[in-house]
Amino acid sequence: MVRKDKITISVDHDLIKWLDTQVKKKRFCSRSHGFEYAFSKFKEEDK
């Protein structure tokens, strides 16, 4: 099982609106999923 930690962040309103749209389109199952996807892509590019 993967350990997940809860955090609190502040995010630009327009980014949240975009993310919510992507969740409604079923690209991501939740906001958390969208953030995890974005962070994992950033991590991959940083290698």
Protein backbone atom coordinates (compact mmCIF):
# COMPACT_ATOMS: atom_id res chain seq x y z
CA MET A 1 0.00 0.00 0.00
CA VAL A 2 1.27 3.46 -0.89
CA ARG A 3 1.41 5.89 2.03
CA LYS A 4 -0.36 9.17 1.37
CA ASP A 5 0.03 12.31 3.47
CA LYS A 6 -2.52 15.11 3.67
CA ILE A 7 -1.24 18.62 2.99
CA THR A 8 -2.73 22.07 2.60
CA ILE A 9 -1.71 24.28 -0.32
CA SER A 10 -2.83 27.55 -1.88
CA VAL A 11 -3.47 27.39 -5.62
CA ASP A 12 -4.43 30.03 -8.16
CA HIS A 13 -8.20 30.12 -8.69
CA ASP A 14 -7.90 29.66 -12.47
CA LEU A 15 -5.86 26.48 -12.00
CA ILE A 16 -8.47 25.05 -9.65
CA LYS A 17 -11.24 25.86 -12.14
CA TRP A 18 -9.26 24.09 -14.87
CA LEU A 19 -8.59 21.11 -12.61
CA ASP A 20 -12.26 20.84 -11.63
CA THR A 21 -13.17 20.84 -15.33
CA GLN A 22 -10.72 18.00 -15.93
CA VAL A 23 -12.26 16.05 -13.05
CA LYS A 24 -15.74 16.57 -14.52
CA LYS A 25 -14.42 15.31 -17.89
CA LYS A 26 -13.09 12.26 -16.02
CA ARG A 27 -9.47 12.95 -16.98
CA PHE A 28 -8.71 12.73 -13.23
CA CYS A 29 -10.81 11.01 -10.59
CA SER A 30 -10.23 13.85 -8.09
CA ARG A 31 -8.28 17.04 -7.45
CA SER A 32 -5.74 14.97 -5.54
CA HIS A 33 -5.28 12.69 -8.52
CA GLY A 34 -4.69 15.71 -10.76
CA PHE A 35 -2.06 17.14 -8.43
CA GLU A 36 -0.35 13.76 -8.06
CA TYR A 37 -0.24 13.41 -11.84
CA ALA A 38 1.23 16.90 -12.28
CA PHE A 39 3.84 16.40 -9.57
CA SER A 40 4.87 13.01 -10.96
CA LYS A 41 5.32 14.52 -14.44
CA PHE A 42 7.38 17.36 -13.01
CA LYS A 43 9.48 14.86 -11.06
CA GLU A 44 10.11 12.82 -14.24
CA GLU A 45 11.23 15.93 -16.14
CA ASP A 46 13.54 16.93 -13.28
CA LYS A 47 15.63 13.75 -13.53
